[in-house]
C-alpha atoms as a PDB file:
ATOM      1  CA  UNK A   1      13.784   6.554 -62.148  1.00  0.00           C
ATOM      2  CA  UNK A   2      15.968   3.700 -63.436  1.00  0.00           C
ATOM      3  CA  UNK A   3      19.081   3.895 -65.591  1.00  0.00           C
ATOM      4  CA  UNK A   4      21.027   1.110 -67.342  1.00  0.00           C
ATOM      5  CA  UNK A   5      24.600   1.980 -68.275  1.00  0.00           C
ATOM      6  CA  UNK A   6      26.514  -0.268 -70.684  1.00  0.00           C
ATOM      7  CA  UNK A   7      30.248  -0.387 -71.261  1.00  0.00           C
ATOM      8  CA  UNK A   8      32.877  -2.571 -72.890  1.00  0.00           C
ATOM      9  CA  UNK A   9      32.114  -2.358 -76.594  1.00  0.00           C
ATOM     10  CA  UNK A  10      34.719  -1.629 -79.237  1.00  0.00           C
ATOM     11  CA  UNK A  11      36.644  -2.891 -82.243  1.00  0.00           C
ATOM     12  CA  UNK A  12      38.133  -6.380 -82.133  1.00  0.00           C
ATOM     13  CA  UNK A  13      39.660  -8.735 -84.685  1.00  0.00           C
ATOM     14  CA  UNK A  14      37.938 -11.997 -85.637  1.00  0.00           C
ATOM     15  CA  UNK A  15      38.660 -14.630 -83.028  1.00  0.00           C
ATOM     16  CA  UNK A  16      39.090 -12.010 -80.328  1.00  0.00           C
ATOM     17  CA  UNK A  17      37.133 -11.383 -77.145  1.00  0.00           C
ATOM     18  CA  UNK A  18      35.237  -8.591 -75.441  1.00  0.00           C
ATOM     19  CA  UNK A  19      33.385  -8.280 -72.161  1.00  0.00           C
ATOM     20  CA  UNK A  20      30.295  -6.114 -71.924  1.00  0.00           C
ATOM     21  CA  UNK A  21      28.944  -4.780 -68.637  1.00  0.00           C
ATOM     22  CA  UNK A  22      25.607  -3.224 -67.795  1.00  0.00           C
ATOM     23  CA  UNK A  23      24.912  -1.640 -64.413  1.00  0.00           C
ATOM     24  CA  UNK A  24      21.410  -0.729 -63.287  1.00  0.00           C
ATOM     25  CA  UNK A  25      20.890   2.186 -60.910  1.00  0.00           C
ATOM     26  CA  UNK A  26      18.082   4.267 -59.477  1.00  0.00           C
ATOM     27  CA  UNK A  27      14.924   3.503 -57.540  1.00  0.00           C
ATOM     28  CA  UNK A  28      15.269  -0.294 -57.706  1.00  0.00           C
ATOM     29  CA  UNK A  29      13.598  -2.723 -55.353  1.00  0.00           C
ATOM     30  CA  UNK A  30      14.282  -5.958 -57.241  1.00  0.00           C
ATOM     31  CA  UNK A  31      15.700  -7.058 -60.593  1.00  0.00           C
ATOM     32  CA  UNK A  32      14.298 -10.140 -62.271  1.00  0.00           C
ATOM     33  CA  UNK A  33      15.450 -11.303 -65.712  1.00  0.00           C
ATOM     34  CA  UNK A  34      18.364  -9.493 -67.346  1.00  0.00           C
ATOM     35  CA  UNK A  35      19.549  -9.928 -70.882  1.00  0.00           C
ATOM     36  CA  UNK A  36      21.530  -8.798 -73.876  1.00  0.00           C
ATOM     37  CA  UNK A  37      20.095  -8.074 -77.300  1.00  0.00           C
ATOM     38  CA  UNK A  38      21.790  -6.902 -80.471  1.00  0.00           C
ATOM     39  CA  UNK A  39      20.815  -5.119 -83.637  1.00  0.00           C
ATOM     40  CA  UNK A  40      22.845  -5.134 -86.830  1.00  0.00           C
ATOM     41  CA  UNK A  41      22.216  -2.565 -89.606  1.00  0.00           C
ATOM     42  CA  UNK A  42      19.070  -3.405 -91.548  1.00  0.00           C
ATOM     43  CA  UNK A  43      18.119  -6.229 -89.209  1.00  0.00           C
ATOM     44  CA  UNK A  44      15.654  -6.499 -86.316  1.00  0.00           C
ATOM     45  CA  UNK A  45      16.819  -6.542 -82.713  1.00  0.00           C
ATOM     46  CA  UNK A  46      17.451 -10.101 -81.551  1.00  0.00           C
ATOM     47  CA  UNK A  47      17.997 -11.836 -78.241  1.00  0.00           C
ATOM     48  CA  UNK A  48      21.608 -12.812 -77.574  1.00  0.00           C
ATOM     49  CA  UNK A  49      21.413 -14.179 -74.038  1.00  0.00           C
ATOM     50  CA  UNK A  50      19.307 -13.871 -70.915  1.00  0.00           C
ATOM     51  CA  UNK A  51      19.664 -14.781 -67.255  1.00  0.00           C
ATOM     52  CA  UNK A  52      17.040 -15.090 -64.524  1.00  0.00           C
ATOM     53  CA  UNK A  53      17.443 -13.982 -60.925  1.00  0.00           C
ATOM     54  CA  UNK A  54      17.953 -17.681 -60.194  1.00  0.00           C
ATOM     55  CA  UNK A  55      20.898 -17.717 -62.648  1.00  0.00           C
ATOM     56  CA  UNK A  56      19.192 -19.853 -65.292  1.00  0.00           C
ATOM     57  CA  UNK A  57      20.504 -18.887 -68.719  1.00  0.00           C
ATOM     58  CA  UNK A  58      19.333 -19.012 -72.313  1.00  0.00           C
ATOM     59  CA  UNK A  59      21.380 -18.299 -75.451  1.00  0.00           C
ATOM     60  CA  UNK A  60      20.736 -17.706 -79.115  1.00  0.00           C
ATOM     61  CA  UNK A  61      21.929 -20.654 -81.195  1.00  0.00           C
ATOM     62  CA  UNK A  62      24.363 -18.388 -83.024  1.00  0.00           C
ATOM     63  CA  UNK A  63      26.330 -17.579 -79.840  1.00  0.00           C
ATOM     64  CA  UNK A  64      25.950 -20.837 -77.880  1.00  0.00           C
ATOM     65  CA  UNK A  65      29.359 -22.020 -76.699  1.00  0.00           C
ATOM     66  CA  UNK A  66      31.067 -18.695 -77.466  1.00  0.00           C
ATOM     67  CA  UNK A  67      29.255 -16.188 -75.241  1.00  0.00           C
ATOM     68  CA  UNK A  68      28.622 -16.377 -71.497  1.00  0.00           C
ATOM     69  CA  UNK A  69      26.121 -14.265 -69.594  1.00  0.00           C
ATOM     70  CA  UNK A  70      26.487 -13.718 -65.857  1.00  0.00           C
ATOM     71  CA  UNK A  71      25.255 -11.326 -63.205  1.00  0.00           C
ATOM     72  CA  UNK A  72      26.333  -9.807 -59.909  1.00  0.00           C
ATOM     73  CA  UNK A  73      23.103  -9.183 -58.035  1.00  0.00           C
ATOM     74  CA  UNK A  74      24.860  -7.214 -55.293  1.00  0.00           C
ATOM     75  CA  UNK A  75      26.020  -4.731 -57.941  1.00  0.00           C
ATOM     76  CA  UNK A  76      22.836  -4.853 -60.079  1.00  0.00           C
ATOM     77  CA  UNK A  77      25.119  -5.685 -62.992  1.00  0.00           C
ATOM     78  CA  UNK A  78      24.934  -8.122 -65.893  1.00  0.00           C
ATOM     79  CA  UNK A  79      27.919  -9.159 -68.001  1.00  0.00           C
ATOM     80  CA  UNK A  80      28.392 -10.697 -71.425  1.00  0.00           C
ATOM     81  CA  UNK A  81      31.712 -12.418 -72.079  1.00  0.00           C
ATOM     82  CA  UNK A  82      32.115 -12.781 -75.824  1.00  0.00           C
ATOM     83  CA  UNK A  83      34.820 -15.123 -77.128  1.00  0.00           C
ATOM     84  CA  UNK A  84      35.741 -16.332 -80.615  1.00  0.00           C
ATOM     85  CA  UNK A  85      34.072 -13.288 -82.111  1.00  0.00           C
ATOM     86  CA  UNK A  86      33.015 -13.365 -85.755  1.00  0.00           C
ATOM     87  CA  UNK A  87      32.304 -10.523 -88.196  1.00  0.00           C
ATOM     88  CA  UNK A  88      28.625 -11.470 -88.062  1.00  0.00           C
ATOM     89  CA  UNK A  89      28.622 -10.562 -84.354  1.00  0.00           C
ATOM     90  CA  UNK A  90      29.022  -6.923 -85.366  1.00  0.00           C
ATOM     91  CA  UNK A  91      26.054  -4.972 -83.992  1.00  0.00           C
ATOM     92  CA  UNK A  92      24.879  -2.529 -81.370  1.00  0.00           C
ATOM     93  CA  UNK A  93      24.417  -4.482 -78.153  1.00  0.00           C
ATOM     94  CA  UNK A  94      21.685  -3.473 -75.709  1.00  0.00           C
ATOM     95  CA  UNK A  95      21.136  -4.649 -72.164  1.00  0.00           C
ATOM     96  CA  UNK A  96      17.664  -5.183 -70.810  1.00  0.00           C
ATOM     97  CA  UNK A  97      16.288  -5.693 -67.329  1.00  0.00           C
ATOM     98  CA  UNK A  98      12.926  -6.480 -65.769  1.00  0.00           C
ATOM     99  CA  UNK A  99      12.826  -4.273 -62.674  1.00  0.00           C
ATOM    100  CA  UNK A 100      10.487  -3.730 -59.757  1.00  0.00           C
ATOM    101  CA  UNK A 101      10.867  -0.136 -58.647  1.00  0.00           C
ATOM    102  CA  UNK A 102      10.538   1.138 -55.108  1.00  0.00           C
ATOM    103  CA  UNK A 103       7.068   2.473 -55.993  1.00  0.00           C
ATOM    104  CA  UNK A 104       6.066  -1.177 -56.649  1.00  0.00           C
ATOM    105  CA  UNK A 105       5.731  -0.612 -60.396  1.00  0.00           C
ATOM    106  CA  UNK A 106       7.358  -3.258 -62.582  1.00  0.00           C
ATOM    107  CA  UNK A 107       8.773  -2.406 -65.978  1.00  0.00           C
ATOM    108  CA  UNK A 108      11.251  -3.361 -68.690  1.00  0.00           C
ATOM    109  CA  UNK A 109      14.236  -1.072 -69.084  1.00  0.00           C
ATOM    110  CA  UNK A 110      16.877  -0.749 -71.800  1.00  0.00           C
ATOM    111  CA  UNK A 111      20.402   0.582 -71.963  1.00  0.00           C
ATOM    112  CA  UNK A 112      21.525   3.064 -74.596  1.00  0.00           C
ATOM    113  CA  UNK A 113      23.497   0.479 -76.561  1.00  0.00           C
ATOM    114  CA  UNK A 114      27.194  -0.148 -77.146  1.00  0.00           C
ATOM    115  CA  UNK A 115      28.795  -0.794 -80.528  1.00  0.00           C
ATOM    116  CA  UNK A 116      30.696  -4.027 -81.105  1.00  0.00           C
ATOM    117  CA  UNK A 117      32.629  -4.256 -84.374  1.00  0.00           C
ATOM    118  CA  UNK A 118      34.460  -7.424 -85.389  1.00  0.00           C
ATOM    119  CA  UNK A 119      36.788  -6.739 -88.283  1.00  0.00           C
ATOM    120  CA  UNK A 120      40.354  -7.306 -89.409  1.00  0.00           C
END
């Protein structure tokens, strides 16, 4: 079994910063791509940023230059540093990981989500 645990969400004023963390645990053999998605009320879930196991990154245009994704492979953890936050960044943020389990089965796993609210 695999579990992704997110932390770091909360309420922040416009222009502020937050750092999200997501740690994967369980019967993990390897982790490939990891990423962050978000879903605002009434909108579909969208990709925010992703990072490969070779540390190549990709960002949504709306967060380019403000958000930074990184990972610590030794800790099976992915981070999202969010700076210059805007009200339109308000959403539930989900982490995602492509994982090869010890039983040699590969799957895509999701965290439970963490709320980020940007408001004055």
